[in-house]
Amino acid sequence: MNEKKITDPHDTIFKTSFSDKANAIDLINGTFPKEIVENLKLETLTLESTTYIDRKLKKYYSDLVYTCKYKESDILITLLFEHKSYLPEFPHVQLLRYILNIQEHSIANTNKLIFTLPVVFYHGKDTWKKRSFSEYFNIKDDFLLKFIPNFDYLVIDLSGYSNDDIKQKITGQLLKILMQIMKYSYNENILNENLEKIFKIGKLYIEEPKGLIFFEKIIRYLYEIDDNLDVDKLMEIVKENDDKAGGVIMSTATKLIEKGKITEKKEVATRLLKKGVDILIISEATNLSILEIKNLK
């Protein structure tokens, strides 16, 4: 997989969403074991600018690194976004390398080791099959097993969550929408079948500028991953929740062009036609004539 595919669009929406402290806290409260959550002082949660992803790890993960107080100790909580749509064969190997990168950095800067809680965020097609590191070795001898560097990690596997699970575990309305979209991101048919359930979760809460910006990012992500998106249907669904939402949906295509996300006008027009966008709106967004757009059908 090349770097462009790694960083766009799934990686972008992950980093945009969970670099926000409120969203990160929402995720932690909803998905981490209660034994961990009840001892975290989440008011101290702080995003670091550091990344511990090296060249060899880039094809597997991107990361967001948070510091936080756990009881009286300083720990790292690392959110690792799994790029691939299929299950890694030996996740412990990549995670061990990642943890080693952290400890080497910590030793170089503080001459100390720091506790690290690795959290894998996975939204692939198949259910994550979590095993202990020792299970990968064909070793039955208890004495030899002691020499295998066993460690654990958390995994947030969206394939294992139903829509109702997400709605119950996550409090933020927009984050609920995003996580459900990510859950179905590798199956356009199922995604489109579930649009109404995903977006009809009550008021969208985009009155505040921050909420409006986040909603726009979600819609941009939806445009980019779903070539068969029924825009008219989506408009109808979200307008029942919030009048501003409809305007965001229709303006997103134009903003994508302006920001250089899509450069070929005819490519843009073709994609928007597939999404059911009105020809007049496509013409205004792309500066192509009505006839040129009709010829693309």
C-alpha atoms as a PDB file:
ATOM      1  CA  MET A   1       0.000   0.000   0.000  1.00  0.00           C
ATOM      2  CA  ASN A   2       1.455   3.374  -0.919  1.00  0.00           C
ATOM      3  CA  GLU A   3       1.665   6.306   1.455  1.00  0.00           C
ATOM      4  CA  LYS A   4      -1.157   8.247  -0.211  1.00  0.00           C
ATOM      5  CA  LYS A   5      -3.611   5.424   0.502  1.00  0.00           C
ATOM      6  CA  ILE A   6      -2.403   5.212   4.069  1.00  0.00           C
ATOM      7  CA  THR A   7      -3.020   8.855   4.843  1.00  0.00           C
ATOM      8  CA  ASP A   8      -6.216   9.476   2.933  1.00  0.00           C
ATOM      9  CA  PRO A   9      -9.043   9.362   3.747  1.00  0.00           C
ATOM     10  CA  HIS A  10      -9.293   6.967   6.728  1.00  0.00           C
ATOM     11  CA  ASP A  11      -6.076   8.088   8.378  1.00  0.00           C
ATOM     12  CA  THR A  12      -7.017  11.744   7.989  1.00  0.00           C
ATOM     13  CA  ILE A  13     -10.420  11.404   9.648  1.00  0.00           C
ATOM     14  CA  PHE A  14      -8.945   9.294  12.452  1.00  0.00           C
ATOM     15  CA  LYS A  15      -6.290  11.860  13.314  1.00  0.00           C
ATOM     16  CA  THR A  16      -8.675  14.792  12.914  1.00  0.00           C
ATOM     17  CA  SER A  17     -11.277  13.205  15.170  1.00  0.00           C
ATOM     18  CA  PHE A  18      -9.212  11.721  17.962  1.00  0.00           C
ATOM     19  CA  SER A  19      -6.657  14.493  18.267  1.00  0.00           C
ATOM     20  CA  ASP A  20      -9.612  16.340  19.792  1.00  0.00           C
ATOM     21  CA  LYS A  21      -9.435  15.805  23.555  1.00  0.00           C
ATOM     22  CA  ALA A  22     -13.207  15.573  24.034  1.00  0.00           C
ATOM     23  CA  ASN A  23     -13.484  12.856  21.386  1.00  0.00           C
ATOM     24  CA  ALA A  24     -10.511  10.976  22.829  1.00  0.00           C
ATOM     25  CA  ILE A  25     -12.073  11.036  26.300  1.00  0.00           C
ATOM     26  CA  ASP A  26     -15.391   9.886  24.839  1.00  0.00           C
ATOM     27  CA  LEU A  27     -13.620   6.968  23.156  1.00  0.00           C
ATOM     28  CA  ILE A  28     -11.717   6.034  26.318  1.00  0.00           C
ATOM     29  CA  ASN A  29     -14.810   6.136  28.526  1.00  0.00           C
ATOM     30  CA  GLY A  30     -16.831   4.088  26.067  1.00  0.00           C
ATOM     31  CA  THR A  31     -14.357   1.394  25.041  1.00  0.00           C
ATOM     32  CA  PHE A  32     -11.593   0.964  27.650  1.00  0.00           C
ATOM     33  CA  PRO A  33     -11.984  -1.572  30.495  1.00  0.00           C
ATOM     34  CA  LYS A  34     -13.602   0.026  33.540  1.00  0.00           C
ATOM     35  CA  GLU A  35     -10.631  -1.059  35.679  1.00  0.00           C
ATOM     36  CA  ILE A  36      -8.465   1.304  33.628  1.00  0.00           C
ATOM     37  CA  VAL A  37     -10.963   4.144  33.197  1.00  0.00           C
ATOM     38  CA  GLU A  38     -11.733   4.491  36.899  1.00  0.00           C
ATOM     39  CA  ASN A  39      -8.032   5.072  37.655  1.00  0.00           C
ATOM     40  CA  LEU A  40      -7.310   7.518  34.831  1.00  0.00           C
ATOM     41  CA  LYS A  41      -7.371  11.225  35.624  1.00  0.00           C
ATOM     42  CA  LEU A  42      -8.768  12.210  32.247  1.00  0.00           C
ATOM     43  CA  GLU A  43      -8.611  15.916  33.026  1.00  0.00           C
ATOM     44  CA  THR A  44      -4.820  15.499  32.649  1.00  0.00           C
ATOM     45  CA  LEU A  45      -5.085  13.870  29.204  1.00  0.00           C
ATOM     46  CA  THR A  46      -2.709  15.767  26.912  1.00  0.00           C
ATOM     47  CA  LEU A  47      -1.957  15.216  23.224  1.00  0.00           C
ATOM     48  CA  GLU A  48       1.745  15.009  22.405  1.00  0.00           C
ATOM     49  CA  SER A  49       3.214  16.135  19.087  1.00  0.00           C
ATOM     50  CA  THR A  50       5.554  13.119  19.007  1.00  0.00           C
ATOM     51  CA  THR A  51       5.076  10.075  16.797  1.00  0.00           C
ATOM     52  CA  TYR A  52       6.813   6.757  17.334  1.00  0.00           C
ATOM     53  CA  ILE A  53       5.972   5.325  13.936  1.00  0.00           C
ATOM     54  CA  ASP A  54       9.167   4.551  12.056  1.00  0.00           C
ATOM     55  CA  ARG A  55       9.647   3.671   8.396  1.00  0.00           C
ATOM     56  CA  LYS A  56       8.905  -0.028   8.888  1.00  0.00           C
ATOM     57  CA  LEU A  57       5.735   0.642  10.879  1.00  0.00           C
ATOM     58  CA  LYS A  58       4.247   3.161   8.447  1.00  0.00           C
ATOM     59  CA  LYS A  59       2.561   0.512   6.341  1.00  0.00           C
ATOM     60  CA  TYR A  60       0.776  -0.838   9.416  1.00  0.00           C
ATOM     61  CA  TYR A  61      -0.128   2.057  11.675  1.00  0.00           C
ATOM     62  CA  SER A  62      -0.325   5.752  12.332  1.00  0.00           C
ATOM     63  CA  ASP A  63      -0.446   6.985  15.909  1.00  0.00           C
ATOM     64  CA  LEU A  64      -1.774   9.590  18.296  1.00  0.00           C
ATOM     65  CA  VAL A  65       0.116   9.820  21.577  1.00  0.00           C
ATOM     66  CA  TYR A  66      -1.463  11.063  24.798  1.00  0.00           C
ATOM     67  CA  THR A  67       0.025  11.483  28.253  1.00  0.00           C
ATOM     68  CA  CYS A  68      -2.246  10.967  31.244  1.00  0.00           C
ATOM     69  CA  LYS A  69      -2.156  10.437  34.983  1.00  0.00           C
ATOM     70  CA  TYR A  70      -3.043   6.920  36.123  1.00  0.00           C
ATOM     71  CA  LYS A  71      -3.481   7.218  39.872  1.00  0.00           C
ATOM     72  CA  GLU A  72      -0.228   9.055  40.645  1.00  0.00           C
ATOM     73  CA  SER A  73       1.824   7.764  37.711  1.00  0.00           C
ATOM     74  CA  ASP A  74       2.454   9.366  34.333  1.00  0.00           C
ATOM     75  CA  ILE A  75       1.638   6.991  31.486  1.00  0.00           C
ATOM     76  CA  LEU A  76       1.348   7.075  27.714  1.00  0.00           C
ATOM     77  CA  ILE A  77      -1.868   6.115  25.948  1.00  0.00           C
ATOM     78  CA  THR A  78      -1.123   5.495  22.288  1.00  0.00           C
ATOM     79  CA  LEU A  79      -3.964   5.223  19.781  1.00  0.00           C
ATOM     80  CA  LEU A  80      -2.696   3.173  16.857  1.00  0.00           C
ATOM     81  CA  PHE A  81      -4.805   3.305  13.719  1.00  0.00           C
ATOM     82  CA  GLU A  82      -4.602   0.050  11.752  1.00  0.00           C
ATOM     83  CA  HIS A  83      -4.384   0.933   8.044  1.00  0.00           C
ATOM     84  CA  LYS A  84      -5.103  -2.377   6.436  1.00  0.00           C
ATOM     85  CA  SER A  85      -8.584  -3.738   5.735  1.00  0.00           C
ATOM     86  CA  TYR A  86      -7.398  -7.225   6.642  1.00  0.00           C
ATOM     87  CA  LEU A  87      -6.066  -8.681   9.867  1.00  0.00           C
ATOM     88  CA  PRO A  88      -2.311  -8.530  10.550  1.00  0.00           C
ATOM     89  CA  GLU A  89      -0.788 -11.950  11.070  1.00  0.00           C
ATOM     90  CA  PHE A  90       1.550 -11.053  13.937  1.00  0.00           C
ATOM     91  CA  PRO A  91       0.407  -7.767  15.549  1.00  0.00           C
ATOM     92  CA  HIS A  92       2.648  -8.262  18.583  1.00  0.00           C
ATOM     93  CA  VAL A  93       5.732  -7.948  16.390  1.00  0.00           C
ATOM     94  CA  GLN A  94       4.741  -4.480  15.182  1.00  0.00           C
ATOM     95  CA  LEU A  95       3.574  -3.441  18.644  1.00  0.00           C
ATOM     96  CA  LEU A  96       6.811  -4.647  20.239  1.00  0.00           C
ATOM     97  CA  ARG A  97       8.790  -2.544  17.780  1.00  0.00           C
ATOM     98  CA  TYR A  98       6.558   0.443  18.529  1.00  0.00           C
ATOM     99  CA  ILE A  99       6.950   0.094  22.308  1.00  0.00           C
ATOM    100  CA  LEU A 100      10.714  -0.255  21.883  1.00  0.00           C
ATOM    101  CA  ASN A 101      10.770   3.016  19.913  1.00  0.00           C
ATOM    102  CA  ILE A 102       9.005   4.722  22.813  1.00  0.00           C
ATOM    103  CA  GLN A 103      11.360   3.351  25.456  1.00  0.00           C
ATOM    104  CA  GLU A 104      14.470   4.232  23.476  1.00  0.00           C
ATOM    105  CA  HIS A 105      13.176   7.787  23.143  1.00  0.00           C
ATOM    106  CA  SER A 106      12.326   7.936  26.850  1.00  0.00           C
ATOM    107  CA  ILE A 107      15.759   6.650  27.892  1.00  0.00           C
ATOM    108  CA  ALA A 108      17.506   9.151  25.626  1.00  0.00           C
ATOM    109  CA  ASN A 109      15.517  12.071  27.060  1.00  0.00           C
ATOM    110  CA  THR A 110      14.844  11.144  30.703  1.00  0.00           C
ATOM    111  CA  ASN A 111      16.984   8.064  31.375  1.00  0.00           C
ATOM    112  CA  LYS A 112      13.763   6.335  32.476  1.00  0.00           C
ATOM    113  CA  LEU A 113      11.226   3.921  31.052  1.00  0.00           C
ATOM    114  CA  ILE A 114       7.582   4.957  30.753  1.00  0.00           C
ATOM    115  CA  PHE A 115       4.524   2.757  30.973  1.00  0.00           C
ATOM    116  CA  THR A 116       2.765   2.551  27.613  1.00  0.00           C
ATOM    117  CA  LEU A 117      -0.813   1.444  26.979  1.00  0.00           C
ATOM    118  CA  PRO A 118      -1.039   0.509  23.273  1.00  0.00           C
ATOM    119  CA  VAL A 119      -4.567   0.736  21.841  1.00  0.00           C
ATOM    120  CA  VAL A 120      -5.233  -0.562  18.327  1.00  0.00           C
ATOM    121  CA  PHE A 121      -8.160   1.067  16.512  1.00  0.00           C
ATOM    122  CA  TYR A 122      -9.319  -1.346  13.805  1.00  0.00           C
ATOM    123  CA  HIS A 123     -12.158  -0.954  11.294  1.00  0.00           C
ATOM    124  CA  GLY A 124     -11.466  -3.739   8.823  1.00  0.00           C
ATOM    125  CA  LYS A 125     -13.803  -6.338   7.380  1.00  0.00           C
ATOM    126  CA  ASP A 126     -13.028  -9.276   9.656  1.00  0.00           C
ATOM    127  CA  THR A 127     -13.196  -9.597  13.418  1.00  0.00           C
ATOM    128  CA  TRP A 128      -9.860  -9.040  15.160  1.00  0.00           C
ATOM    129  CA  LYS A 129      -8.539 -12.321  16.556  1.00  0.00           C
ATOM    130  CA  LYS A 130      -6.621 -11.395  19.669  1.00  0.00           C
ATOM    131  CA  ARG A 131      -4.092 -13.893  21.028  1.00  0.00           C
ATOM    132  CA  SER A 132      -1.238 -13.742  23.494  1.00  0.00           C
ATOM    133  CA  PHE A 133       2.250 -13.499  22.020  1.00  0.00           C
ATOM    134  CA  SER A 134       3.215 -16.916  23.402  1.00  0.00           C
ATOM    135  CA  GLU A 135       0.386 -18.578  21.452  1.00  0.00           C
ATOM    136  CA  TYR A 136       2.213 -17.841  18.188  1.00  0.00           C
ATOM    137  CA  PHE A 137       5.122 -20.060  19.229  1.00  0.00           C
ATOM    138  CA  ASN A 138       5.027 -23.826  19.007  1.00  0.00           C
ATOM    139  CA  ILE A 139       6.384 -24.137  22.525  1.00  0.00           C
ATOM    140  CA  LYS A 140       4.687 -26.259  25.185  1.00  0.00           C
ATOM    141  CA  ASP A 141       7.442 -26.179  27.778  1.00  0.00           C
ATOM    142  CA  ASP A 142       6.504 -23.860  30.664  1.00  0.00           C
ATOM    143  CA  PHE A 143      10.136 -23.106  31.420  1.00  0.00           C
ATOM    144  CA  LEU A 144      10.846 -21.896  27.863  1.00  0.00           C
ATOM    145  CA  LEU A 145       7.613 -19.884  27.757  1.00  0.00           C
ATOM    146  CA  LYS A 146       9.061 -17.615  30.446  1.00  0.00           C
ATOM    147  CA  PHE A 147      11.545 -16.276  27.897  1.00  0.00           C
ATOM    148  CA  ILE A 148       8.870 -14.978  25.508  1.00  0.00           C
ATOM    149  CA  PRO A 149       8.234 -11.227  26.049  1.00  0.00           C
ATOM    150  CA  ASN A 150       4.502 -11.424  26.712  1.00  0.00           C
ATOM    151  CA  PHE A 151       2.559  -8.175  26.923  1.00  0.00           C
ATOM    152  CA  ASP A 152      -1.017  -7.131  26.325  1.00  0.00           C
ATOM    153  CA  TYR A 153      -2.731  -4.408  24.337  1.00  0.00           C
ATOM    154  CA  LEU A 154      -6.247  -3.061  23.886  1.00  0.00           C
ATOM    155  CA  VAL A 155      -8.088  -3.324  20.595  1.00  0.00           C
ATOM    156  CA  ILE A 156     -11.103  -1.288  19.519  1.00  0.00           C
ATOM    157  CA  ASP A 157     -12.568  -3.465  16.781  1.00  0.00           C
ATOM    158  CA  LEU A 158     -15.509  -1.724  15.119  1.00  0.00           C
ATOM    159  CA  SER A 159     -16.551  -4.943  13.391  1.00  0.00           C
ATOM    160  CA  GLY A 160     -17.443  -6.282  16.831  1.00  0.00           C
ATOM    161  CA  TYR A 161     -19.728  -3.365  17.677  1.00  0.00           C
ATOM    162  CA  SER A 162     -23.335  -3.162  16.544  1.00  0.00           C
ATOM    163  CA  ASN A 163     -24.847   0.245  15.759  1.00  0.00           C
ATOM    164  CA  ASP A 164     -26.634   0.085  19.112  1.00  0.00           C
ATOM    165  CA  ASP A 165     -23.346  -0.693  20.884  1.00  0.00           C
ATOM    166  CA  ILE A 166     -21.755   2.433  19.417  1.00  0.00           C
ATOM    167  CA  LYS A 167     -24.768   4.571  20.307  1.00  0.00           C
ATOM    168  CA  GLN A 168     -24.664   3.325  23.897  1.00  0.00           C
ATOM    169  CA  LYS A 169     -20.897   3.491  24.431  1.00  0.00           C
ATOM    170  CA  ILE A 170     -20.228   6.863  22.761  1.00  0.00           C
ATOM    171  CA  THR A 171     -21.887  10.044  24.026  1.00  0.00           C
ATOM    172  CA  GLY A 172     -21.005  12.558  21.279  1.00  0.00           C
ATOM    173  CA  GLN A 173     -23.662  12.531  18.554  1.00  0.00           C
ATOM    174  CA  LEU A 174     -21.257  13.325  15.718  1.00  0.00           C
ATOM    175  CA  LEU A 175     -18.685  10.816  16.950  1.00  0.00           C
ATOM    176  CA  LYS A 176     -21.426   8.168  16.983  1.00  0.00           C
ATOM    177  CA  ILE A 177     -22.117   8.952  13.325  1.00  0.00           C
ATOM    178  CA  LEU A 178     -18.436   8.826  12.358  1.00  0.00           C
ATOM    179  CA  MET A 179     -17.714   5.520  14.082  1.00  0.00           C
ATOM    180  CA  GLN A 180     -20.701   3.877  12.408  1.00  0.00           C
ATOM    181  CA  ILE A 181     -19.551   5.151   9.004  1.00  0.00           C
ATOM    182  CA  MET A 182     -16.043   3.829   9.677  1.00  0.00           C
ATOM    183  CA  LYS A 183     -17.525   0.480  10.696  1.00  0.00           C
ATOM    184  CA  TYR A 184     -19.043   0.065   7.210  1.00  0.00           C
ATOM    185  CA  SER A 185     -16.348   1.909   5.261  1.00  0.00           C
ATOM    186  CA  TYR A 186     -15.178  -1.212   3.406  1.00  0.00           C
ATOM    187  CA  ASN A 187     -18.654  -2.182   2.196  1.00  0.00           C
ATOM    188  CA  GLU A 188     -20.467   0.555   0.260  1.00  0.00           C
ATOM    189  CA  ASN A 189     -23.671  -1.460  -0.079  1.00  0.00           C
ATOM    190  CA  ILE A 190     -24.052  -2.034   3.653  1.00  0.00           C
ATOM    191  CA  LEU A 191     -22.996   1.555   4.357  1.00  0.00           C
ATOM    192  CA  ASN A 192     -25.702   2.933   2.072  1.00  0.00           C
ATOM    193  CA  GLU A 193     -28.304   0.567   3.520  1.00  0.00           C
ATOM    194  CA  ASN A 194     -27.523   1.882   7.008  1.00  0.00           C
ATOM    195  CA  LEU A 195     -27.364   5.616   6.267  1.00  0.00           C
ATOM    196  CA  GLU A 196     -30.799   6.284   7.700  1.00  0.00           C
ATOM    197  CA  LYS A 197     -30.038   4.383  10.924  1.00  0.00           C
ATOM    198  CA  ILE A 198     -26.675   6.103  11.222  1.00  0.00           C
ATOM    199  CA  PHE A 199     -27.862   9.677  10.792  1.00  0.00           C
ATOM    200  CA  LYS A 200     -31.248   9.436  12.488  1.00  0.00           C
ATOM    201  CA  ILE A 201     -29.894   9.510  16.013  1.00  0.00           C
ATOM    202  CA  GLY A 202     -31.439  12.781  17.096  1.00  0.00           C
ATOM    203  CA  LYS A 203     -30.266  16.366  16.899  1.00  0.00           C
ATOM    204  CA  LEU A 204     -26.873  16.573  15.191  1.00  0.00           C
ATOM    205  CA  TYR A 205     -25.573  19.353  17.422  1.00  0.00           C
ATOM    206  CA  ILE A 206     -23.818  21.372  14.749  1.00  0.00           C
ATOM    207  CA  GLU A 207     -24.993  24.763  15.975  1.00  0.00           C
ATOM    208  CA  GLU A 208     -21.567  25.560  17.400  1.00  0.00           C
ATOM    209  CA  PRO A 209     -18.756  26.328  14.898  1.00  0.00           C
ATOM    210  CA  LYS A 210     -16.695  23.394  16.191  1.00  0.00           C
ATOM    211  CA  GLY A 211     -19.583  20.996  15.631  1.00  0.00           C
ATOM    212  CA  LEU A 212     -20.225  22.352  12.153  1.00  0.00           C
ATOM    213  CA  ILE A 213     -16.558  21.879  11.199  1.00  0.00           C
ATOM    214  CA  PHE A 214     -16.538  18.311  12.522  1.00  0.00           C
ATOM    215  CA  PHE A 215     -19.753  17.481  10.656  1.00  0.00           C
ATOM    216  CA  GLU A 216     -18.245  18.841   7.441  1.00  0.00           C
ATOM    217  CA  LYS A 217     -15.188  16.600   7.911  1.00  0.00           C
ATOM    218  CA  ILE A 218     -17.465  13.584   8.397  1.00  0.00           C
ATOM    219  CA  ILE A 219     -19.395  14.382   5.209  1.00  0.00           C
ATOM    220  CA  ARG A 220     -16.136  14.884   3.282  1.00  0.00           C
ATOM    221  CA  TYR A 221     -14.971  11.488   4.523  1.00  0.00           C
ATOM    222  CA  LEU A 222     -18.273   9.936   3.418  1.00  0.00           C
ATOM    223  CA  TYR A 223     -17.934  11.476  -0.057  1.00  0.00           C
ATOM    224  CA  GLU A 224     -14.407  10.139  -0.417  1.00  0.00           C
ATOM    225  CA  ILE A 225     -15.085   6.534   0.613  1.00  0.00           C
ATOM    226  CA  ASP A 226     -18.504   6.004  -0.997  1.00  0.00           C
ATOM    227  CA  ASP A 227     -18.670   6.388  -4.777  1.00  0.00           C
ATOM    228  CA  ASN A 228     -22.316   5.300  -4.765  1.00  0.00           C
ATOM    229  CA  LEU A 229     -23.517   7.706  -2.100  1.00  0.00           C
ATOM    230  CA  ASP A 230     -27.145   8.766  -2.631  1.00  0.00           C
ATOM    231  CA  VAL A 231     -26.854  12.474  -1.854  1.00  0.00           C
ATOM    232  CA  ASP A 232     -30.577  13.178  -2.187  1.00  0.00           C
ATOM    233  CA  LYS A 233     -31.369  10.433   0.312  1.00  0.00           C
ATOM    234  CA  LEU A 234     -28.716  11.706   2.711  1.00  0.00           C
ATOM    235  CA  MET A 235     -30.048  15.261   2.383  1.00  0.00           C
ATOM    236  CA  GLU A 236     -33.550  14.092   3.213  1.00  0.00           C
ATOM    237  CA  ILE A 237     -32.351  12.177   6.264  1.00  0.00           C
ATOM    238  CA  VAL A 238     -30.199  14.881   7.841  1.00  0.00           C
ATOM    239  CA  LYS A 239     -32.550  17.795   7.153  1.00  0.00           C
ATOM    240  CA  GLU A 240     -35.033  16.199   9.528  1.00  0.00           C
ATOM    241  CA  ASN A 241     -32.407  16.586  12.252  1.00  0.00           C
ATOM    242  CA  ASP A 242     -30.773  19.889  11.398  1.00  0.00           C
ATOM    243  CA  ASP A 243     -31.405  22.409   8.604  1.00  0.00           C
ATOM    244  CA  LYS A 244     -27.749  23.452   8.461  1.00  0.00           C
ATOM    245  CA  ALA A 245     -26.681  19.899   7.698  1.00  0.00           C
ATOM    246  CA  GLY A 246     -28.164  19.919   4.201  1.00  0.00           C
ATOM    247  CA  GLY A 247     -26.115  22.947   3.214  1.00  0.00           C
ATOM    248  CA  VAL A 248     -22.952  21.296   4.478  1.00  0.00           C
ATOM    249  CA  ILE A 249     -23.582  18.211   2.356  1.00  0.00           C
ATOM    250  CA  MET A 250     -24.055  20.154  -0.876  1.00  0.00           C
ATOM    251  CA  SER A 251     -21.157  22.546  -0.291  1.00  0.00           C
ATOM    252  CA  THR A 252     -18.609  19.849   0.506  1.00  0.00           C
ATOM    253  CA  ALA A 253     -17.971  18.890  -3.129  1.00  0.00           C
ATOM    254  CA  THR A 254     -17.116  22.494  -4.008  1.00  0.00           C
ATOM    255  CA  LYS A 255     -14.747  22.788  -1.051  1.00  0.00           C
ATOM    256  CA  LEU A 256     -13.014  19.569  -2.059  1.00  0.00           C
ATOM    257  CA  ILE A 257     -12.269  21.120  -5.432  1.00  0.00           C
ATOM    258  CA  GLU A 258     -11.088  24.420  -3.924  1.00  0.00           C
ATOM    259  CA  LYS A 259      -8.724  22.666  -1.516  1.00  0.00           C
ATOM    260  CA  GLY A 260      -7.216  20.498  -4.212  1.00  0.00           C
ATOM    261  CA  LYS A 261      -8.635  17.199  -2.970  1.00  0.00           C
ATOM    262  CA  ILE A 262      -9.954  16.575  -6.482  1.00  0.00           C
ATOM    263  CA  THR A 263      -8.243  18.194  -9.457  1.00  0.00           C
ATOM    264  CA  GLU A 264      -9.863  16.790 -12.577  1.00  0.00           C
ATOM    265  CA  LYS A 265     -13.175  18.551 -13.210  1.00  0.00           C
ATOM    266  CA  LYS A 266     -14.662  15.755 -15.282  1.00  0.00           C
ATOM    267  CA  GLU A 267     -13.674  13.235 -12.638  1.00  0.00           C
ATOM    268  CA  VAL A 268     -15.461  15.382 -10.067  1.00  0.00           C
ATOM    269  CA  ALA A 269     -18.545  15.699 -12.241  1.00  0.00           C
ATOM    270  CA  THR A 270     -18.672  11.951 -12.890  1.00  0.00           C
ATOM    271  CA  ARG A 271     -18.447  11.145  -9.194  1.00  0.00           C
ATOM    272  CA  LEU A 272     -21.124  13.678  -8.300  1.00  0.00           C
ATOM    273  CA  LEU A 273     -23.433  12.328 -10.992  1.00  0.00           C
ATOM    274  CA  LYS A 274     -23.082   8.879  -9.439  1.00  0.00           C
ATOM    275  CA  LYS A 275     -23.994  10.384  -6.090  1.00  0.00           C
ATOM    276  CA  GLY A 276     -27.186  11.865  -7.547  1.00  0.00           C
ATOM    277  CA  VAL A 277     -26.192  15.534  -7.317  1.00  0.00           C
ATOM    278  CA  ASP A 278     -28.240  17.885  -9.488  1.00  0.00           C
ATOM    279  CA  ILE A 279     -26.561  18.822 -12.811  1.00  0.00           C
ATOM    280  CA  LEU A 280     -26.935  22.569 -12.167  1.00  0.00           C
ATOM    281  CA  ILE A 281     -25.072  22.247  -8.864  1.00  0.00           C
ATOM    282  CA  ILE A 282     -22.325  20.178 -10.529  1.00  0.00           C
ATOM    283  CA  SER A 283     -21.991  22.815 -13.246  1.00  0.00           C
ATOM    284  CA  GLU A 284     -21.629  25.571 -10.660  1.00  0.00           C
ATOM    285  CA  ALA A 285     -19.069  23.569  -8.677  1.00  0.00           C
ATOM    286  CA  THR A 286     -16.918  22.513 -11.642  1.00  0.00           C
ATOM    287  CA  ASN A 287     -17.516  25.298 -14.200  1.00  0.00           C
ATOM    288  CA  LEU A 288     -18.362  22.620 -16.775  1.00  0.00           C
ATOM    289  CA  SER A 289     -21.274  23.301 -19.099  1.00  0.00           C
ATOM    290  CA  ILE A 290     -24.564  21.448 -18.730  1.00  0.00           C
ATOM    291  CA  LEU A 291     -23.912  19.734 -22.070  1.00  0.00           C
ATOM    292  CA  GLU A 292     -20.432  18.602 -21.002  1.00  0.00           C
ATOM    293  CA  ILE A 293     -21.868  17.095 -17.838  1.00  0.00           C
ATOM    294  CA  LYS A 294     -24.707  15.358 -19.678  1.00  0.00           C
ATOM    295  CA  ASN A 295     -22.165  13.792 -22.040  1.00  0.00           C
ATOM    296  CA  LEU A 296     -20.482  12.170 -19.042  1.00  0.00           C
ATOM    297  CA  LYS A 297     -23.535  10.044 -18.310  1.00  0.00           C
END
